[in-house]
Amino acid sequence: TAYYDKYAADGRAFRSGESDYLLKPVDMCELDKTIQRYRFSRDPQR
């Protein structure tokens, strides 16, 4: 989202089922960190 603070007033807002977060416009470096975390979640040994 591009409007994080709009939803973050309630600290529980981003804990309803999502695994990760990104800000718009999406930055390639941040996307890469997200993809790495996704890969790790699928392969604990890795």
All heavy atoms as atom14 arrays in JSON, in Angstrom:
{
  "sequence": "TAYYDKYAADGRAFRSGESDYLLKPVDMCELDKTIQRYRFSRDPQR",
  "atom14_mask": [
    [1, 1, 1, 1, 1, 1, 1, 0, 0, 0, 0, 0, 0, 0],
    [1, 1, 1, 1, 1, 0, 0, 0, 0, 0, 0, 0, 0, 0],
    [1, 1, 1, 1, 1, 1, 1, 1, 1, 1, 1, 1, 0, 0],
    [1, 1, 1, 1, 1, 1, 1, 1, 1, 1, 1, 1, 0, 0],
    [1, 1, 1, 1, 1, 1, 1, 1, 0, 0, 0, 0, 0, 0],
    [1, 1, 1, 1, 1, 1, 1, 1, 1, 0, 0, 0, 0, 0],
    [1, 1, 1, 1, 1, 1, 1, 1, 1, 1, 1, 1, 0, 0],
    [1, 1, 1, 1, 1, 0, 0, 0, 0, 0, 0, 0, 0, 0],
    [1, 1, 1, 1, 1, 0, 0, 0, 0, 0, 0, 0, 0, 0],
    [1, 1, 1, 1, 1, 1, 1, 1, 0, 0, 0, 0, 0, 0],
    [1, 1, 1, 1, 0, 0, 0, 0, 0, 0, 0, 0, 0, 0],
    [1, 1, 1, 1, 1, 1, 1, 1, 1, 1, 1, 0, 0, 0],
    [1, 1, 1, 1, 1, 0, 0, 0, 0, 0, 0, 0, 0, 0],
    [1, 1, 1, 1, 1, 1, 1, 1, 1, 1, 1, 0, 0, 0],
    [1, 1, 1, 1, 1, 1, 1, 1, 1, 1, 1, 0, 0, 0],
    [1, 1, 1, 1, 1, 1, 0, 0, 0, 0, 0, 0, 0, 0],
    [1, 1, 1, 1, 0, 0, 0, 0, 0, 0, 0, 0, 0, 0],
    [1, 1, 1, 1, 1, 1, 1, 1, 1, 0, 0, 0, 0, 0],
    [1, 1, 1, 1, 1, 1, 0, 0, 0, 0, 0, 0, 0, 0],
    [1, 1, 1, 1, 1, 1, 1, 1, 0, 0, 0, 0, 0, 0],
    [1, 1, 1, 1, 1, 1, 1, 1, 1, 1, 1, 1, 0, 0],
    [1, 1, 1, 1, 1, 1, 1, 1, 0, 0, 0, 0, 0, 0],
    [1, 1, 1, 1, 1, 1, 1, 1, 0, 0, 0, 0, 0, 0],
    [1, 1, 1, 1, 1, 1, 1, 1, 1, 0, 0, 0, 0, 0],
    [1, 1, 1, 1, 1, 1, 1, 0, 0, 0, 0, 0, 0, 0],
    [1, 1, 1, 1, 1, 1, 1, 0, 0, 0, 0, 0, 0, 0],
    [1, 1, 1, 1, 1, 1, 1, 1, 0, 0, 0, 0, 0, 0],
    [1, 1, 1, 1, 1, 1, 1, 1, 0, 0, 0, 0, 0, 0],
    [1, 1, 1, 1, 1, 1, 0, 0, 0, 0, 0, 0, 0, 0],
    [1, 1, 1, 1, 1, 1, 1, 1, 1, 0, 0, 0, 0, 0],
    [1, 1, 1, 1, 1, 1, 1, 1, 0, 0, 0, 0, 0, 0],
    [1, 1, 1, 1, 1, 1, 1, 1, 0, 0, 0, 0, 0, 0],
    [1, 1, 1, 1, 1, 1, 1, 1, 1, 0, 0, 0, 0, 0],
    [1, 1, 1, 1, 1, 1, 1, 0, 0, 0, 0, 0, 0, 0],
    [1, 1, 1, 1, 1, 1, 1, 1, 0, 0, 0, 0, 0, 0],
    [1, 1, 1, 1, 1, 1, 1, 1, 1, 0, 0, 0, 0, 0],
    [1, 1, 1, 1, 1, 1, 1, 1, 1, 1, 1, 0, 0, 0],
    [1, 1, 1, 1, 1, 1, 1, 1, 1, 1, 1, 1, 0, 0],
    [1, 1, 1, 1, 1, 1, 1, 1, 1, 1, 1, 0, 0, 0],
    [1, 1, 1, 1, 1, 1, 1, 1, 1, 1, 1, 0, 0, 0],
    [1, 1, 1, 1, 1, 1, 0, 0, 0, 0, 0, 0, 0, 0],
    [1, 1, 1, 1, 1, 1, 1, 1, 1, 1, 1, 0, 0, 0],
    [1, 1, 1, 1, 1, 1, 1, 1, 0, 0, 0, 0, 0, 0],
    [1, 1, 1, 1, 1, 1, 1, 0, 0, 0, 0, 0, 0, 0],
    [1, 1, 1, 1, 1, 1, 1, 1, 1, 0, 0, 0, 0, 0],
    [1, 1, 1, 1, 1, 1, 1, 1, 1, 1, 1, 0, 0, 0]
  ],
  "atom14_positions": [
    [[0.83, -1.2, 0.0], [0.0, 0.0, 0.0], [0.87, 1.25, 0.0], [2.03, 1.22, 0.41], [-0.92, 0.03, 1.24], [-1.7, 1.23, 1.23], [-0.09, 0.0, 2.52], [0.0, 0.0, 0.0], [0.0, 0.0, 0.0], [0.0, 0.0, 0.0], [0.0, 0.0, 0.0], [0.0, 0.0, 0.0], [0.0, 0.0, 0.0], [0.0, 0.0, 0.0]],
    [[0.3, 2.34, -0.45], [0.97, 3.63, -0.37], [0.48, 4.41, 0.84], [0.95, 5.51, 1.11], [0.7, 4.44, -1.64], [0.0, 0.0, 0.0], [0.0, 0.0, 0.0], [0.0, 0.0, 0.0], [0.0, 0.0, 0.0], [0.0, 0.0, 0.0], [0.0, 0.0, 0.0], [0.0, 0.0, 0.0], [0.0, 0.0, 0.0], [0.0, 0.0, 0.0]],
    [[-0.46, 3.83, 1.59], [-1.09, 4.53, 2.7], [-0.98, 3.75, 4.0], [-1.96, 3.45, 4.66], [-2.57, 4.78, 2.39], [-2.79, 5.44, 1.06], [-3.22, 4.7, -0.04], [-2.53, 6.8, 0.88], [-3.41, 5.3, -1.27], [-2.71, 7.4, -0.36], [-3.15, 6.65, -1.43], [-3.33, 7.23, -2.64], [0.0, 0.0, 0.0], [0.0, 0.0, 0.0]],
    [[0.26, 3.42, 4.38], [0.48, 2.6, 5.57], [-0.14, 3.2, 6.82], [-0.84, 2.54, 7.57], [1.97, 2.37, 5.79], [2.3, 1.73, 7.11], [1.88, 0.43, 7.39], [3.0, 2.43, 8.09], [2.16, -0.16, 8.6], [3.28, 1.84, 9.31], [2.86, 0.55, 9.56], [3.13, -0.03, 10.76], [0.0, 0.0, 0.0], [0.0, 0.0, 0.0]],
    [[0.11, 4.5, 7.08], [-0.34, 5.11, 8.33], [-1.86, 5.12, 8.45], [-2.4, 5.15, 9.54], [0.2, 6.54, 8.46], [1.68, 6.54, 8.81], [2.12, 5.62, 9.52], [2.39, 7.46, 8.37], [0.0, 0.0, 0.0], [0.0, 0.0, 0.0], [0.0, 0.0, 0.0], [0.0, 0.0, 0.0], [0.0, 0.0, 0.0], [0.0, 0.0, 0.0]],
    [[-2.55, 5.11, 7.31], [-4.01, 5.09, 7.32], [-4.54, 3.84, 8.0], [-5.56, 3.85, 8.67], [-4.52, 5.14, 5.87], [-6.03, 4.98, 5.71], [-6.39, 5.01, 4.24], [-7.88, 4.74, 4.03], [-8.25, 4.77, 2.59], [0.0, 0.0, 0.0], [0.0, 0.0, 0.0], [0.0, 0.0, 0.0], [0.0, 0.0, 0.0], [0.0, 0.0, 0.0]],
    [[-3.78, 2.73, 7.89], [-4.22, 1.45, 8.44], [-3.44, 1.04, 9.69], [-3.83, 0.1, 10.38], [-4.08, 0.34, 7.39], [-4.94, 0.59, 6.19], [-4.41, 1.19, 5.05], [-6.29, 0.25, 6.2], [-5.2, 1.43, 3.94], [-7.09, 0.49, 5.1], [-6.54, 1.09, 3.97], [-7.34, 1.34, 2.89], [0.0, 0.0, 0.0], [0.0, 0.0, 0.0]],
    [[-2.34, 1.74, 9.98], [-1.48, 1.33, 11.08], [-1.86, 1.97, 12.41], [-1.24, 1.7, 13.43], [-0.02, 1.66, 10.76], [0.0, 0.0, 0.0], [0.0, 0.0, 0.0], [0.0, 0.0, 0.0], [0.0, 0.0, 0.0], [0.0, 0.0, 0.0], [0.0, 0.0, 0.0], [0.0, 0.0, 0.0], [0.0, 0.0, 0.0], [0.0, 0.0, 0.0]],
    [[-2.89, 2.83, 12.42], [-3.29, 3.46, 13.68], [-3.64, 2.39, 14.71], [-3.32, 2.51, 15.89], [-4.49, 4.37, 13.44], [0.0, 0.0, 0.0], [0.0, 0.0, 0.0], [0.0, 0.0, 0.0], [0.0, 0.0, 0.0], [0.0, 0.0, 0.0], [0.0, 0.0, 0.0], [0.0, 0.0, 0.0], [0.0, 0.0, 0.0], [0.0, 0.0, 0.0]],
    [[-4.29, 1.34, 14.25], [-4.54, 0.18, 15.1], [-3.4, -0.8, 14.84], [-3.26, -1.32, 13.75], [-5.87, -0.47, 14.73], [-6.16, -1.73, 15.55], [-5.3, -2.13, 16.36], [-7.25, -2.29, 15.38], [0.0, 0.0, 0.0], [0.0, 0.0, 0.0], [0.0, 0.0, 0.0], [0.0, 0.0, 0.0], [0.0, 0.0, 0.0], [0.0, 0.0, 0.0]],
    [[-2.58, -1.07, 15.86], [-1.42, -1.92, 15.69], [-1.75, -3.32, 15.23], [-0.9, -4.04, 14.75], [0.0, 0.0, 0.0], [0.0, 0.0, 0.0], [0.0, 0.0, 0.0], [0.0, 0.0, 0.0], [0.0, 0.0, 0.0], [0.0, 0.0, 0.0], [0.0, 0.0, 0.0], [0.0, 0.0, 0.0], [0.0, 0.0, 0.0], [0.0, 0.0, 0.0]],
    [[-3.02, -3.73, 15.35], [-3.41, -5.08, 14.94], [-3.82, -5.14, 13.49], [-4.07, -6.2, 12.94], [-4.57, -5.56, 15.81], [-4.22, -5.71, 17.28], [-5.46, -5.9, 18.13], [-6.31, -4.7, 18.04], [-7.49, -4.59, 18.65], [-7.96, -5.58, 19.37], [-8.21, -3.47, 18.55], [0.0, 0.0, 0.0], [0.0, 0.0, 0.0], [0.0, 0.0, 0.0]],
    [[-3.89, -3.98, 12.82], [-4.42, -3.93, 11.46], [-3.67, -4.81, 10.49], [-4.25, -5.42, 9.62], [-4.42, -2.48, 10.95], [0.0, 0.0, 0.0], [0.0, 0.0, 0.0], [0.0, 0.0, 0.0], [0.0, 0.0, 0.0], [0.0, 0.0, 0.0], [0.0, 0.0, 0.0], [0.0, 0.0, 0.0], [0.0, 0.0, 0.0], [0.0, 0.0, 0.0]],
    [[-2.36, -4.89, 10.65], [-1.54, -5.65, 9.71], [-1.26, -7.05, 10.23], [-0.26, -7.64, 9.88], [-0.24, -4.92, 9.44], [-0.4, -3.78, 8.48], [-0.6, -2.5, 8.95], [-0.37, -3.99, 7.12], [-0.75, -1.44, 8.07], [-0.52, -2.94, 6.23], [-0.72, -1.66, 6.71], [0.0, 0.0, 0.0], [0.0, 0.0, 0.0], [0.0, 0.0, 0.0]],
    [[-2.11, -7.59, 11.08], [-1.87, -8.93, 11.6], [-3.09, -9.82, 11.41], [-3.38, -10.68, 12.21], [-1.51, -8.85, 13.08], [-0.18, -8.13, 13.27], [0.14, -7.94, 14.71], [1.34, -7.12, 14.83], [1.75, -6.57, 15.94], [1.09, -6.74, 17.04], [2.85, -5.83, 15.97], [0.0, 0.0, 0.0], [0.0, 0.0, 0.0], [0.0, 0.0, 0.0]],
    [[-3.81, -9.58, 10.32], [-5.05, -10.31, 10.1], [-4.87, -11.54, 9.23], [-5.83, -12.2, 8.92], [-6.08, -9.37, 9.46], [-5.58, -8.86, 8.24], [0.0, 0.0, 0.0], [0.0, 0.0, 0.0], [0.0, 0.0, 0.0], [0.0, 0.0, 0.0], [0.0, 0.0, 0.0], [0.0, 0.0, 0.0], [0.0, 0.0, 0.0], [0.0, 0.0, 0.0]],
    [[-3.66, -11.85, 8.82], [-3.46, -13.03, 8.01], [-2.31, -12.91, 7.03], [-1.86, -13.89, 6.47], [0.0, 0.0, 0.0], [0.0, 0.0, 0.0], [0.0, 0.0, 0.0], [0.0, 0.0, 0.0], [0.0, 0.0, 0.0], [0.0, 0.0, 0.0], [0.0, 0.0, 0.0], [0.0, 0.0, 0.0], [0.0, 0.0, 0.0], [0.0, 0.0, 0.0]],
    [[-1.83, -11.69, 6.82], [-0.76, -11.49, 5.87], [0.57, -12.01, 6.42], [0.74, -12.18, 7.61], [-0.62, -10.0, 5.52], [-0.15, -9.11, 6.66], [-1.23, -8.89, 7.71], [-2.41, -9.06, 7.41], [-0.85, -8.56, 8.83], [0.0, 0.0, 0.0], [0.0, 0.0, 0.0], [0.0, 0.0, 0.0], [0.0, 0.0, 0.0], [0.0, 0.0, 0.0]],
    [[1.5, -12.28, 5.54], [2.82, -12.77, 5.93], [3.88, -11.69, 5.86], [4.89, -11.76, 6.54], [3.23, -13.94, 5.02], [2.26, -14.94, 5.0], [0.0, 0.0, 0.0], [0.0, 0.0, 0.0], [0.0, 0.0, 0.0], [0.0, 0.0, 0.0], [0.0, 0.0, 0.0], [0.0, 0.0, 0.0], [0.0, 0.0, 0.0], [0.0, 0.0, 0.0]],
    [[3.65, -10.69, 5.01], [4.69, -9.69, 4.76], [4.04, -8.41, 4.26], [2.83, -8.36, 4.0], [5.68, -10.23, 3.73], [7.11, -9.82, 4.04], [7.3, -8.68, 4.47], [8.01, -10.64, 3.83], [0.0, 0.0, 0.0], [0.0, 0.0, 0.0], [0.0, 0.0, 0.0], [0.0, 0.0, 0.0], [0.0, 0.0, 0.0], [0.0, 0.0, 0.0]],
    [[4.86, -7.36, 4.09], [4.35, -6.06, 3.72], [5.33, -5.37, 2.78], [6.53, -5.57, 2.84], [4.19, -5.16, 4.96], [3.7, -5.86, 6.19], [4.58, -6.52, 7.03], [2.35, -5.84, 6.5], [4.13, -7.17, 8.16], [1.89, -6.5, 7.63], [2.79, -7.15, 8.46], [2.34, -7.8, 9.58], [0.0, 0.0, 0.0], [0.0, 0.0, 0.0]],
    [[4.79, -4.49, 1.92], [5.61, -3.66, 1.04], [4.94, -2.29, 0.9], [3.71, -2.19, 0.95], [5.74, -4.28, -0.34], [6.79, -5.39, -0.55], [6.65, -5.96, -1.95], [8.2, -4.85, -0.34], [0.0, 0.0, 0.0], [0.0, 0.0, 0.0], [0.0, 0.0, 0.0], [0.0, 0.0, 0.0], [0.0, 0.0, 0.0], [0.0, 0.0, 0.0]],
    [[5.75, -1.27, 0.73], [5.24, 0.06, 0.47], [5.23, 0.34, -1.02], [6.1, -0.11, -1.76], [6.12, 1.11, 1.17], [5.97, 1.24, 2.69], [7.01, 2.23, 3.21], [4.57, 1.7, 3.07], [0.0, 0.0, 0.0], [0.0, 0.0, 0.0], [0.0, 0.0, 0.0], [0.0, 0.0, 0.0], [0.0, 0.0, 0.0], [0.0, 0.0, 0.0]],
    [[4.22, 1.09, -1.47], [4.16, 1.56, -2.85], [4.8, 2.94, -2.93], [4.61, 3.74, -2.02], [2.72, 1.65, -3.33], [2.07, 0.34, -3.73], [0.7, 0.65, -4.31], [0.05, -0.57, -4.9], [-1.27, -0.24, -5.5], [0.0, 0.0, 0.0], [0.0, 0.0, 0.0], [0.0, 0.0, 0.0], [0.0, 0.0, 0.0], [0.0, 0.0, 0.0]],
    [[5.48, 3.27, -4.01], [5.87, 2.37, -5.1], [6.89, 1.34, -4.62], [7.76, 1.66, -3.82], [6.48, 3.31, -6.13], [6.97, 4.48, -5.33], [6.01, 4.62, -4.2], [0.0, 0.0, 0.0], [0.0, 0.0, 0.0], [0.0, 0.0, 0.0], [0.0, 0.0, 0.0], [0.0, 0.0, 0.0], [0.0, 0.0, 0.0], [0.0, 0.0, 0.0]],
    [[6.75, 0.14, -5.11], [7.59, -0.96, -4.64], [9.04, -0.74, -5.05], [9.34, -0.46, -6.21], [7.09, -2.31, -5.21], [8.03, -3.44, -4.81], [5.68, -2.58, -4.71], [0.0, 0.0, 0.0], [0.0, 0.0, 0.0], [0.0, 0.0, 0.0], [0.0, 0.0, 0.0], [0.0, 0.0, 0.0], [0.0, 0.0, 0.0], [0.0, 0.0, 0.0]],
    [[9.92, -0.84, -4.07], [11.35, -0.71, -4.31], [11.95, -2.09, -4.55], [11.61, -3.05, -3.86], [12.01, -0.05, -3.09], [13.52, 0.05, -3.23], [13.98, 0.96, -3.92], [14.22, -0.8, -2.65], [0.0, 0.0, 0.0], [0.0, 0.0, 0.0], [0.0, 0.0, 0.0], [0.0, 0.0, 0.0], [0.0, 0.0, 0.0], [0.0, 0.0, 0.0]],
    [[12.84, -2.19, -5.54], [13.39, -3.49, -5.92], [14.14, -4.14, -4.76], [14.05, -5.36, -4.56], [14.31, -3.33, -7.14], [14.76, -4.66, -7.73], [13.36, -5.59, -8.42], [14.01, -7.26, -8.44], [0.0, 0.0, 0.0], [0.0, 0.0, 0.0], [0.0, 0.0, 0.0], [0.0, 0.0, 0.0], [0.0, 0.0, 0.0], [0.0, 0.0, 0.0]],
    [[14.89, -3.34, -4.01], [15.65, -3.91, -2.89], [14.72, -4.48, -1.83], [14.97, -5.55, -1.28], [16.55, -2.84, -2.27], [17.92, -2.34, -3.32], [0.0, 0.0, 0.0], [0.0, 0.0, 0.0], [0.0, 0.0, 0.0], [0.0, 0.0, 0.0], [0.0, 0.0, 0.0], [0.0, 0.0, 0.0], [0.0, 0.0, 0.0], [0.0, 0.0, 0.0]],
    [[13.62, -3.77, -1.55], [12.67, -4.26, -0.56], [11.91, -5.48, -1.08], [11.61, -6.4, -0.32], [11.69, -3.14, -0.16], [12.35, -1.98, 0.55], [13.2, -2.43, 1.71], [12.73, -3.26, 2.51], [14.34, -1.97, 1.83], [0.0, 0.0, 0.0], [0.0, 0.0, 0.0], [0.0, 0.0, 0.0], [0.0, 0.0, 0.0], [0.0, 0.0, 0.0]],
    [[11.6, -5.48, -2.36], [10.95, -6.65, -2.94], [11.87, -7.85, -2.83], [11.42, -8.96, -2.5], [10.61, -6.39, -4.41], [10.02, -7.59, -5.17], [8.69, -8.02, -4.54], [9.83, -7.26, -6.64], [0.0, 0.0, 0.0], [0.0, 0.0, 0.0], [0.0, 0.0, 0.0], [0.0, 0.0, 0.0], [0.0, 0.0, 0.0], [0.0, 0.0, 0.0]],
    [[13.16, -7.66, -3.07], [14.1, -8.77, -3.0], [14.14, -9.35, -1.59], [14.18, -10.57, -1.42], [15.49, -8.29, -3.41], [16.46, -9.45, -3.58], [16.23, -10.29, -4.46], [17.42, -9.54, -2.8], [0.0, 0.0, 0.0], [0.0, 0.0, 0.0], [0.0, 0.0, 0.0], [0.0, 0.0, 0.0], [0.0, 0.0, 0.0], [0.0, 0.0, 0.0]],
    [[14.11, -8.48, -0.57], [14.08, -8.98, 0.81], [12.82, -9.8, 1.05], [12.85, -10.83, 1.72], [14.13, -7.81, 1.79], [15.45, -7.04, 1.8], [15.37, -5.89, 2.78], [16.63, -5.04, 2.74], [16.55, -3.89, 3.68], [0.0, 0.0, 0.0], [0.0, 0.0, 0.0], [0.0, 0.0, 0.0], [0.0, 0.0, 0.0], [0.0, 0.0, 0.0]],
    [[11.71, -9.33, 0.49], [10.44, -10.06, 0.65], [10.5, -11.43, -0.01], [10.06, -12.43, 0.56], [9.29, -9.23, 0.04], [9.17, -8.0, 0.74], [7.97, -9.99, 0.13], [0.0, 0.0, 0.0], [0.0, 0.0, 0.0], [0.0, 0.0, 0.0], [0.0, 0.0, 0.0], [0.0, 0.0, 0.0], [0.0, 0.0, 0.0], [0.0, 0.0, 0.0]],
    [[11.06, -11.48, -1.22], [11.18, -12.76, -1.93], [12.08, -13.72, -1.16], [11.83, -14.92, -1.07], [11.7, -12.56, -3.36], [10.74, -11.69, -4.17], [11.91, -13.9, -4.05], [9.32, -12.22, -4.23], [0.0, 0.0, 0.0], [0.0, 0.0, 0.0], [0.0, 0.0, 0.0], [0.0, 0.0, 0.0], [0.0, 0.0, 0.0], [0.0, 0.0, 0.0]],
    [[13.16, -13.19, -0.59], [14.05, -14.02, 0.22], [13.31, -14.59, 1.42], [13.44, -15.77, 1.75], [15.27, -13.23, 0.68], [16.18, -12.74, -0.44], [16.73, -13.88, -1.29], [16.97, -14.97, -0.78], [16.93, -13.63, -2.56], [0.0, 0.0, 0.0], [0.0, 0.0, 0.0], [0.0, 0.0, 0.0], [0.0, 0.0, 0.0], [0.0, 0.0, 0.0]],
    [[12.51, -13.75, 2.08], [11.75, -14.23, 3.25], [10.72, -15.27, 2.82], [10.48, -16.25, 3.53], [11.08, -13.05, 3.96], [12.05, -12.16, 4.71], [11.33, -11.18, 5.61], [10.62, -10.15, 4.87], [11.12, -8.96, 4.59], [12.35, -8.64, 4.94], [10.39, -8.05, 3.94], [0.0, 0.0, 0.0], [0.0, 0.0, 0.0], [0.0, 0.0, 0.0]],
    [[10.1, -15.07, 1.65], [9.17, -16.06, 1.14], [9.87, -17.4, 0.9], [9.37, -18.46, 1.3], [8.54, -15.57, -0.17], [7.97, -16.69, -1.0], [6.81, -17.35, -0.6], [8.62, -17.15, -2.14], [6.3, -18.41, -1.32], [8.12, -18.2, -2.87], [6.97, -18.83, -2.47], [6.47, -19.88, -3.18], [0.0, 0.0, 0.0], [0.0, 0.0, 0.0]],
    [[11.02, -17.35, 0.26], [11.78, -18.58, 0.0], [12.14, -19.29, 1.29], [12.04, -20.51, 1.4], [13.04, -18.26, -0.79], [12.8, -17.84, -2.23], [14.07, -17.28, -2.84], [13.93, -16.99, -4.26], [14.8, -16.26, -4.95], [15.87, -15.77, -4.35], [14.62, -16.03, -6.24], [0.0, 0.0, 0.0], [0.0, 0.0, 0.0], [0.0, 0.0, 0.0]],
    [[12.56, -18.51, 2.28], [12.93, -19.08, 3.57], [11.73, -19.75, 4.24], [11.85, -20.81, 4.86], [13.49, -18.0, 4.5], [14.78, -17.39, 4.01], [15.17, -16.15, 4.49], [15.59, -18.03, 3.09], [16.35, -15.57, 4.05], [16.76, -17.46, 2.64], [17.15, -16.23, 3.13], [0.0, 0.0, 0.0], [0.0, 0.0, 0.0], [0.0, 0.0, 0.0]],
    [[10.55, -19.14, 4.11], [9.35, -19.69, 4.74], [8.97, -21.03, 4.13], [8.38, -21.88, 4.79], [8.18, -18.71, 4.6], [7.68, -18.7, 3.28], [0.0, 0.0, 0.0], [0.0, 0.0, 0.0], [0.0, 0.0, 0.0], [0.0, 0.0, 0.0], [0.0, 0.0, 0.0], [0.0, 0.0, 0.0], [0.0, 0.0, 0.0], [0.0, 0.0, 0.0]],
    [[9.35, -21.25, 2.87], [9.02, -22.49, 2.18], [10.09, -23.55, 2.36], [9.84, -24.72, 2.1], [8.83, -22.2, 0.67], [7.68, -21.27, 0.38], [6.35, -21.92, 0.64], [5.3, -20.93, 0.88], [4.0, -21.19, 0.84], [3.6, -22.42, 0.59], [3.12, -20.25, 1.11], [0.0, 0.0, 0.0], [0.0, 0.0, 0.0], [0.0, 0.0, 0.0]],
    [[11.27, -23.12, 2.77], [12.39, -24.04, 2.91], [13.16, -23.72, 4.18], [14.16, -23.01, 4.15], [13.31, -23.93, 1.69], [14.39, -25.01, 1.67], [14.56, -25.7, 2.69], [15.06, -25.14, 0.63], [0.0, 0.0, 0.0], [0.0, 0.0, 0.0], [0.0, 0.0, 0.0], [0.0, 0.0, 0.0], [0.0, 0.0, 0.0], [0.0, 0.0, 0.0]],
    [[12.69, -24.2, 5.35], [13.33, -23.89, 6.63], [14.81, -24.23, 6.67], [15.6, -23.53, 7.29], [12.54, -24.73, 7.64], [11.21, -24.93, 6.99], [11.52, -25.06, 5.53], [0.0, 0.0, 0.0], [0.0, 0.0, 0.0], [0.0, 0.0, 0.0], [0.0, 0.0, 0.0], [0.0, 0.0, 0.0], [0.0, 0.0, 0.0], [0.0, 0.0, 0.0]],
    [[15.2, -25.33, 6.03], [16.61, -25.71, 6.02], [17.44, -24.66, 5.3], [18.52, -24.29, 5.76], [16.78, -27.07, 5.34], [18.22, -27.58, 5.34], [18.76, -27.8, 6.74], [18.01, -28.15, 7.65], [20.05, -27.58, 6.93], [0.0, 0.0, 0.0], [0.0, 0.0, 0.0], [0.0, 0.0, 0.0], [0.0, 0.0, 0.0], [0.0, 0.0, 0.0]],
    [[16.88, -24.16, 4.21], [17.57, -23.11, 3.47], [17.66, -21.85, 4.32], [18.67, -21.16, 4.32], [16.8, -22.81, 2.19], [17.4, -21.7, 1.34], [16.58, -21.53, 0.09], [17.16, -20.51, -0.78], [16.69, -20.22, -1.97], [15.66, -20.89, -2.45], [17.25, -19.27, -2.71], [0.0, 0.0, 0.0], [0.0, 0.0, 0.0], [0.0, 0.0, 0.0]]
  ]
}
